[in-house]
């Protein structure tokens, strides 16, 4: 990474840590969401020379004591720069949060029905060997409506187990750059292909296209809605192309987002077996992975994403019938213009 002055890193970290506190939630959920955002800022600090004092300052002032599971990542990343200050939140329970509402569960059931309705053609092609992050991102361009290559890939092996979000916008001497932190994950190659080449790649595409806030709060909800929408379209396209193995992993990913909703009790059998402890105190964020893409795709639009969605649905009439039921009551889509970046 480009070497910046300590003052520059301090200013960036303080501004981004403040932005991480602007979340569309209250109480315990806001605390857990803020701490999760701070963990992403801490990753940026680690990449920028392990200068954490700007983040330390904001955390000390905020006074959050318990941050839920994300605090474990935050503290581990901060420990790379020395002793963790006593003001850092621990991983204790931040308190009660609102349950997932019935409309979200209804949409989750419809996602499962959509997945079951996607036609799987005859197989075409087999799994290939393990690929690099660059190779995965280049491969995924075929399934991303607006692929962009204006990003830097940095090795992140040192941060294994400490990272959730691997895409960031980091400062440079001349402005900022979009970064993908390549962290090795012991997962089957097709699953890595979906996660890195399609989902994370879609995030990098949005960073290249949108100047506003995409990493925290309401901006993150819009960003995840877009990346998940790309996965929905990719499922239809992969199935139509006979990429059955890929389509099955994409389908599994959509069902996983349903199964990891806080309070999931197995009511949707296809989504059983998934769990994400870090999302337990974050019902708004967890629900957005399900509702956000549906709202975006079902809203009128003339974007490349919408054009590919409509074309793909024409090849999958049963899935289109499910989408028609979703469209009848889909919630309002995320704001197409994320809030301005906090400076």
Protein backbone atom coordinates (compact mmCIF):
# COMPACT_ATOMS: atom_id res chain seq x y z
CA UNK A 1 0.00 0.00 0.00
CA UNK A 2 1.05 3.60 -0.62
CA UNK A 3 2.79 5.14 2.39
CA UNK A 4 0.79 7.98 3.93
CA UNK A 5 1.68 10.30 6.77
CA UNK A 6 0.43 9.34 10.21
CA UNK A 7 -1.66 12.52 10.28
CA UNK A 8 -3.35 11.54 7.01
CA UNK A 9 -4.18 8.07 8.29
CA UNK A 10 -5.42 9.56 11.57
CA UNK A 11 -7.78 11.92 9.75
CA UNK A 12 -9.07 9.17 7.47
CA UNK A 13 -9.62 6.70 10.33
CA UNK A 14 -11.40 9.25 12.51
CA UNK A 15 -13.71 10.26 9.66
CA UNK A 16 -14.54 6.69 8.67
CA UNK A 17 -15.05 5.58 12.27
CA UNK A 18 -17.52 8.43 12.62
CA UNK A 19 -19.27 7.38 9.41
CA UNK A 20 -19.57 3.85 10.80
CA UNK A 21 -21.73 5.21 13.62
CA UNK A 22 -24.38 6.57 11.23
CA UNK A 23 -26.54 3.45 11.05
CA UNK A 24 -30.31 3.12 10.43
CA UNK A 25 -30.88 1.44 13.77
CA UNK A 26 -31.10 2.26 17.46
CA UNK A 27 -30.12 0.83 20.82
CA UNK A 28 -28.29 -2.48 20.94
CA UNK A 29 -28.55 -3.00 17.19
CA UNK A 30 -26.92 0.37 16.55
CA UNK A 31 -24.11 -0.50 18.95
CA UNK A 32 -23.43 -3.87 17.30
CA UNK A 33 -23.62 -2.36 13.82
CA UNK A 34 -21.24 0.43 14.77
CA UNK A 35 -18.71 -2.01 16.18
CA UNK A 36 -18.94 -4.09 13.03
CA UNK A 37 -18.16 -0.97 11.00
CA UNK A 38 -15.24 -0.14 13.26
CA UNK A 39 -13.80 -3.58 12.54
CA UNK A 40 -13.78 -2.69 8.83
CA UNK A 41 -12.08 0.62 9.61
CA UNK A 42 -9.53 -1.28 11.69
CA UNK A 43 -8.72 -3.42 8.66
CA UNK A 44 -8.06 -0.25 6.71
CA UNK A 45 -5.83 1.05 9.50
CA UNK A 46 -3.89 -2.22 9.46
CA UNK A 47 -3.34 -1.91 5.73
CA UNK A 48 -2.26 1.72 6.08
CA UNK A 49 0.72 1.05 8.32
CA UNK A 50 -1.09 -0.12 11.46
CA UNK A 51 -1.82 3.42 12.61
CA UNK A 52 -4.93 3.13 14.77
CA UNK A 53 -4.93 6.36 16.80
CA UNK A 54 -7.72 8.03 14.78
CA UNK A 55 -9.96 5.02 15.33
CA UNK A 56 -8.93 4.84 18.99
CA UNK A 57 -10.04 8.42 19.50
CA UNK A 58 -13.55 7.86 18.13
CA UNK A 59 -14.04 4.62 20.06
CA UNK A 60 -12.90 6.23 23.29
CA UNK A 61 -15.41 9.04 22.86
CA UNK A 62 -18.31 6.78 21.81
CA UNK A 63 -18.21 4.69 24.98
CA UNK A 64 -19.77 1.49 23.60
CA UNK A 65 -19.03 -1.31 26.07
CA UNK A 66 -20.46 -4.42 24.39
CA UNK A 67 -20.36 -4.95 20.64
CA UNK A 68 -21.36 -8.55 20.08
CA UNK A 69 -19.30 -10.98 17.94
CA UNK A 70 -17.87 -8.28 15.65
CA UNK A 71 -15.94 -6.91 18.62
CA UNK A 72 -13.74 -10.01 18.49
CA UNK A 73 -12.61 -9.06 14.98
CA UNK A 74 -12.17 -5.43 15.97
CA UNK A 75 -9.98 -6.28 18.94
CA UNK A 76 -7.92 -8.81 16.97
CA UNK A 77 -7.17 -6.27 14.26
CA UNK A 78 -6.36 -3.57 16.81
CA UNK A 79 -3.97 -5.95 18.59
CA UNK A 80 -1.82 -5.93 15.46
CA UNK A 81 -0.84 -2.41 16.46
CA UNK A 82 -0.09 -3.16 20.11
CA UNK A 83 -2.09 -3.35 23.32
CA UNK A 84 -5.83 -2.98 22.81
CA UNK A 85 -7.00 0.18 24.61
CA UNK A 86 -9.42 -0.41 27.51
CA UNK A 87 -12.06 1.73 25.77
CA UNK A 88 -12.54 -0.89 23.05
CA UNK A 89 -15.84 -2.78 23.33
CA UNK A 90 -15.83 -6.45 24.24
CA UNK A 91 -17.80 -9.22 22.54
CA UNK A 92 -20.52 -9.24 25.18
CA UNK A 93 -24.20 -9.15 24.28
CA UNK A 94 -25.13 -5.55 23.43
CA UNK A 95 -28.74 -6.18 24.47
CA UNK A 96 -32.10 -7.14 22.96
CA UNK A 97 -32.93 -6.29 19.35
CA UNK A 98 -36.17 -6.35 17.38
CA UNK A 99 -37.17 -9.69 15.84
CA UNK A 100 -37.33 -10.29 12.11
CA UNK A 101 -40.79 -9.26 10.90
CA UNK A 102 -43.34 -11.53 9.19
CA UNK A 103 -42.93 -9.80 5.81
CA UNK A 104 -39.23 -10.72 5.76
CA UNK A 105 -40.07 -14.35 6.50
CA UNK A 106 -42.65 -14.30 3.72
CA UNK A 107 -40.07 -13.00 1.27
CA UNK A 108 -37.60 -15.60 2.52
CA UNK A 109 -40.10 -18.31 1.65
CA UNK A 110 -40.52 -16.80 -1.81
CA UNK A 111 -36.75 -16.78 -2.30
CA UNK A 112 -36.77 -20.51 -1.60
CA UNK A 113 -39.60 -20.96 -4.11
CA UNK A 114 -37.70 -18.88 -6.66
CA UNK A 115 -34.61 -21.04 -6.22
CA UNK A 116 -36.66 -24.20 -6.71
CA UNK A 117 -38.26 -22.76 -9.85
CA UNK A 118 -35.00 -21.99 -11.64
CA UNK A 119 -34.62 -24.56 -14.44
CA UNK A 120 -31.37 -26.48 -14.48
CA UNK A 121 -30.32 -27.47 -17.99
CA UNK A 122 -27.85 -30.21 -18.93
CA UNK A 123 -24.38 -29.71 -17.42
CA UNK A 124 -21.86 -27.82 -19.53
CA UNK A 125 -18.32 -27.65 -18.21
CA UNK A 126 -16.59 -28.88 -15.09
CA UNK A 127 -14.92 -27.25 -12.12
CA UNK A 128 -11.49 -25.90 -12.87
CA UNK A 129 -8.52 -25.61 -10.56
CA UNK A 130 -8.10 -23.06 -7.81
CA UNK A 131 -7.62 -19.55 -9.14
CA UNK A 132 -6.11 -16.32 -7.83
CA UNK A 133 -8.20 -13.40 -6.61
CA UNK A 134 -7.41 -11.57 -9.84
CA UNK A 135 -8.44 -14.59 -11.88
CA UNK A 136 -11.69 -14.97 -9.95
CA UNK A 137 -12.60 -11.32 -10.42
CA UNK A 138 -11.83 -11.46 -14.14
CA UNK A 139 -13.85 -14.66 -14.48
CA UNK A 140 -16.81 -13.11 -12.67
CA UNK A 141 -17.02 -10.20 -15.11
CA UNK A 142 -19.25 -12.29 -17.39
CA UNK A 143 -21.92 -12.37 -14.65
CA UNK A 144 -21.58 -8.75 -13.53
CA UNK A 145 -23.64 -6.18 -15.45
CA UNK A 146 -21.12 -3.34 -15.19
CA UNK A 147 -17.68 -4.86 -14.54
CA UNK A 148 -14.88 -2.47 -13.66
CA UNK A 149 -11.17 -3.04 -13.20
CA UNK A 150 -10.17 0.10 -11.35
CA UNK A 151 -9.10 -1.61 -8.12
CA UNK A 152 -6.02 -2.84 -6.32
CA UNK A 153 -5.69 -6.35 -4.89
CA UNK A 154 -3.61 -6.68 -1.72
CA UNK A 155 -2.65 -9.85 0.08
CA UNK A 156 -4.56 -10.36 3.29
CA UNK A 157 -3.25 -13.65 4.66
CA UNK A 158 -2.19 -11.85 7.84
CA UNK A 159 -5.84 -10.99 8.53
CA UNK A 160 -7.37 -14.45 8.13
CA UNK A 161 -10.18 -14.92 10.63
CA UNK A 162 -10.42 -11.17 11.28
CA UNK A 163 -12.20 -10.08 8.11
CA UNK A 164 -15.79 -10.06 6.88
CA UNK A 165 -15.95 -7.30 4.26
CA UNK A 166 -12.92 -7.47 1.97
CA UNK A 167 -13.67 -4.47 -0.28
CA UNK A 168 -12.69 -1.00 0.87
CA UNK A 169 -12.11 2.52 -0.39
CA UNK A 170 -8.78 3.66 1.04
CA UNK A 171 -7.00 7.02 0.92
CA UNK A 172 -3.99 7.77 -1.25
CA UNK A 173 -1.84 10.86 -1.63
CA UNK A 174 -3.94 11.92 -4.62
CA UNK A 175 -7.38 10.91 -3.40
CA UNK A 176 -8.58 7.35 -2.89
CA UNK A 177 -8.48 3.90 -4.45
CA UNK A 178 -10.69 0.83 -4.32
CA UNK A 179 -9.08 -2.19 -2.70
CA UNK A 180 -9.83 -5.90 -2.48
CA UNK A 181 -8.14 -7.67 0.42
CA UNK A 182 -7.42 -11.20 -0.80
CA UNK A 183 -7.91 -13.42 2.25
CA UNK A 184 -7.59 -17.15 1.72
CA UNK A 185 -10.69 -19.15 2.66
CA UNK A 186 -10.74 -22.97 2.72
CA UNK A 187 -13.91 -23.32 0.67
CA UNK A 188 -14.74 -25.28 -2.48
CA UNK A 189 -13.58 -23.45 -5.59
CA UNK A 190 -17.08 -22.90 -7.04
CA UNK A 191 -18.13 -21.23 -3.79
CA UNK A 192 -15.06 -18.98 -3.87
CA UNK A 193 -15.92 -18.16 -7.46
CA UNK A 194 -19.39 -16.97 -6.44
CA UNK A 195 -18.21 -15.06 -3.39
CA UNK A 196 -15.17 -13.38 -4.92
CA UNK A 197 -15.79 -13.27 -8.65
CA UNK A 198 -19.46 -12.33 -8.50
CA UNK A 199 -20.42 -10.89 -5.09
CA UNK A 200 -17.24 -9.06 -4.07
CA UNK A 201 -16.66 -8.14 -7.70
CA UNK A 202 -20.07 -6.48 -7.79
CA UNK A 203 -19.09 -4.42 -4.76
CA UNK A 204 -15.92 -3.27 -6.52
CA UNK A 205 -18.00 -2.37 -9.57
CA UNK A 206 -20.23 -0.16 -7.43
CA UNK A 207 -17.27 1.49 -5.74
CA UNK A 208 -16.00 2.40 -9.21
CA UNK A 209 -19.38 3.75 -10.32
CA UNK A 210 -20.64 5.58 -7.23
CA UNK A 211 -18.91 8.37 -5.31
CA UNK A 212 -21.23 8.31 -2.32
CA UNK A 213 -21.14 6.26 0.87
CA UNK A 214 -21.28 2.52 0.22
CA UNK A 215 -19.36 1.05 3.15
CA UNK A 216 -21.45 1.99 6.17
CA UNK A 217 -25.02 2.49 7.30
CA UNK A 218 -27.68 3.07 4.67
CA UNK A 219 -25.02 3.13 1.97
CA UNK A 220 -23.97 -0.39 2.89
CA UNK A 221 -27.58 -1.56 2.63
CA UNK A 222 -27.72 -0.20 -0.92
CA UNK A 223 -24.37 -1.81 -1.76
CA UNK A 224 -25.39 -5.23 -0.45
CA UNK A 225 -28.74 -4.98 -2.23
CA UNK A 226 -26.90 -4.49 -5.52
CA UNK A 227 -24.39 -7.30 -4.96
CA UNK A 228 -27.15 -9.70 -3.98
CA UNK A 229 -29.22 -8.66 -6.99
CA UNK A 230 -26.26 -9.54 -9.20
CA UNK A 231 -26.29 -13.00 -7.59
CA UNK A 232 -29.99 -13.45 -8.40
CA UNK A 233 -29.37 -12.59 -12.05
CA UNK A 234 -26.25 -14.76 -12.18
CA UNK A 235 -28.25 -17.75 -10.93
CA UNK A 236 -30.69 -17.46 -13.81
CA UNK A 237 -27.93 -16.91 -16.37
CA UNK A 238 -25.73 -19.74 -15.11
CA UNK A 239 -28.66 -22.16 -15.13
CA UNK A 240 -29.64 -21.14 -18.65
CA UNK A 241 -26.04 -21.64 -19.82
CA UNK A 242 -25.94 -25.16 -18.41
CA UNK A 243 -23.48 -24.16 -15.69
CA UNK A 244 -25.29 -26.43 -13.25
CA UNK A 245 -22.56 -26.65 -10.63
CA UNK A 246 -22.19 -22.87 -10.53
CA UNK A 247 -25.96 -22.40 -10.44
CA UNK A 248 -26.25 -24.77 -7.50
CA UNK A 249 -23.69 -22.79 -5.52
CA UNK A 250 -25.45 -19.54 -6.37
CA UNK A 251 -28.75 -21.05 -5.27
CA UNK A 252 -27.15 -22.24 -2.05
CA UNK A 253 -25.87 -18.72 -1.42
CA UNK A 254 -29.33 -17.21 -1.74
CA UNK A 255 -30.78 -19.80 0.62
CA UNK A 256 -27.94 -19.17 3.07
CA UNK A 257 -28.99 -15.52 3.37
CA UNK A 258 -32.44 -16.73 4.41
CA UNK A 259 -31.14 -19.36 6.82
CA UNK A 260 -28.88 -16.95 8.67
CA UNK A 261 -31.68 -14.50 9.48
CA UNK A 262 -31.74 -13.95 13.26
CA UNK A 263 -34.37 -16.18 14.84
CA UNK A 264 -34.55 -18.63 11.94
CA UNK A 265 -36.32 -21.71 13.30
CA UNK A 266 -36.18 -24.02 10.31
CA UNK A 267 -39.56 -22.91 8.97
CA UNK A 268 -38.09 -22.86 5.44
CA UNK A 269 -36.55 -26.34 5.06
CA UNK A 270 -34.33 -25.47 2.10
CA UNK A 271 -32.56 -22.81 4.19
CA UNK A 272 -31.67 -24.99 7.17
CA UNK A 273 -28.10 -25.52 8.29
CA UNK A 274 -26.79 -21.95 8.10
CA UNK A 275 -25.83 -19.62 10.92
CA UNK A 276 -23.95 -16.33 11.17
CA UNK A 277 -23.39 -15.31 14.82
CA UNK A 278 -22.20 -11.84 13.82
CA UNK A 279 -25.60 -11.10 12.27
CA UNK A 280 -27.65 -12.18 15.31
CA UNK A 281 -27.74 -8.64 16.79
CA UNK A 282 -28.14 -7.09 13.30
CA UNK A 283 -31.67 -7.90 12.07
CA UNK A 284 -31.87 -4.89 9.75
CA UNK A 285 -28.66 -5.78 7.94
CA UNK A 286 -29.41 -9.51 7.85
CA UNK A 287 -32.90 -8.90 6.45
CA UNK A 288 -31.53 -6.56 3.80
CA UNK A 289 -29.60 -9.42 2.19
CA UNK A 290 -33.03 -10.93 1.44
CA UNK A 291 -35.32 -7.94 0.93
CA UNK A 292 -32.86 -5.48 -0.62
CA UNK A 293 -32.14 -7.30 -3.88
CA UNK A 294 -35.80 -8.17 -4.38
CA UNK A 295 -36.81 -4.54 -3.93
CA UNK A 296 -34.12 -3.40 -6.34
CA UNK A 297 -34.90 -5.96 -9.04
CA UNK A 298 -38.67 -5.57 -8.82
CA UNK A 299 -38.53 -1.78 -9.09
CA UNK A 300 -38.71 -0.18 -12.55
CA UNK A 301 -35.28 0.47 -13.99
CA UNK A 302 -33.34 0.82 -17.22
CA UNK A 303 -29.94 -0.17 -15.85
CA UNK A 304 -27.84 -3.01 -17.27
CA UNK A 305 -28.75 -5.00 -14.15
CA UNK A 306 -32.48 -4.64 -14.82
CA UNK A 307 -32.07 -5.43 -18.52
CA UNK A 308 -30.26 -8.67 -17.78
CA UNK A 309 -32.80 -9.56 -15.08
CA UNK A 310 -35.71 -9.16 -17.46
CA UNK A 311 -33.96 -11.12 -20.21
CA UNK A 312 -33.06 -13.94 -17.83
CA UNK A 313 -36.62 -14.20 -16.49
CA UNK A 314 -37.91 -14.71 -20.02
CA UNK A 315 -35.97 -17.98 -20.10
CA UNK A 316 -37.35 -19.10 -16.72
CA UNK A 317 -41.16 -18.79 -16.73
CA UNK A 318 -41.70 -20.62 -13.43
CA UNK A 319 -39.22 -18.37 -11.68
CA UNK A 320 -40.88 -15.36 -13.33
CA UNK A 321 -44.20 -16.40 -11.78
CA UNK A 322 -42.62 -16.34 -8.32
CA UNK A 323 -41.09 -12.94 -9.06
CA UNK A 324 -44.52 -11.62 -10.04
CA UNK A 325 -45.79 -12.58 -6.59
CA UNK A 326 -42.80 -10.89 -4.98
CA UNK A 327 -43.30 -7.72 -7.04
CA UNK A 328 -46.87 -7.36 -5.84
CA UNK A 329 -45.74 -6.50 -2.30
CA UNK A 330 -42.01 -5.81 -2.53
CA UNK A 331 -40.84 -3.05 -0.17
CA UNK A 332 -39.44 0.21 -1.49
CA UNK A 333 -35.99 -0.22 -3.06
CA UNK A 334 -32.85 1.14 -1.42
CA UNK A 335 -31.89 4.68 -2.33
CA UNK A 336 -30.16 4.71 -5.73
CA UNK A 337 -28.02 7.57 -4.46
CA UNK A 338 -26.09 6.56 -1.35
CA UNK A 339 -25.42 9.36 1.14
CA UNK A 340 -22.36 11.51 0.57
CA UNK A 341 -19.10 10.34 2.06
CA UNK A 342 -18.33 11.67 5.53
CA UNK A 343 -15.15 13.72 5.43
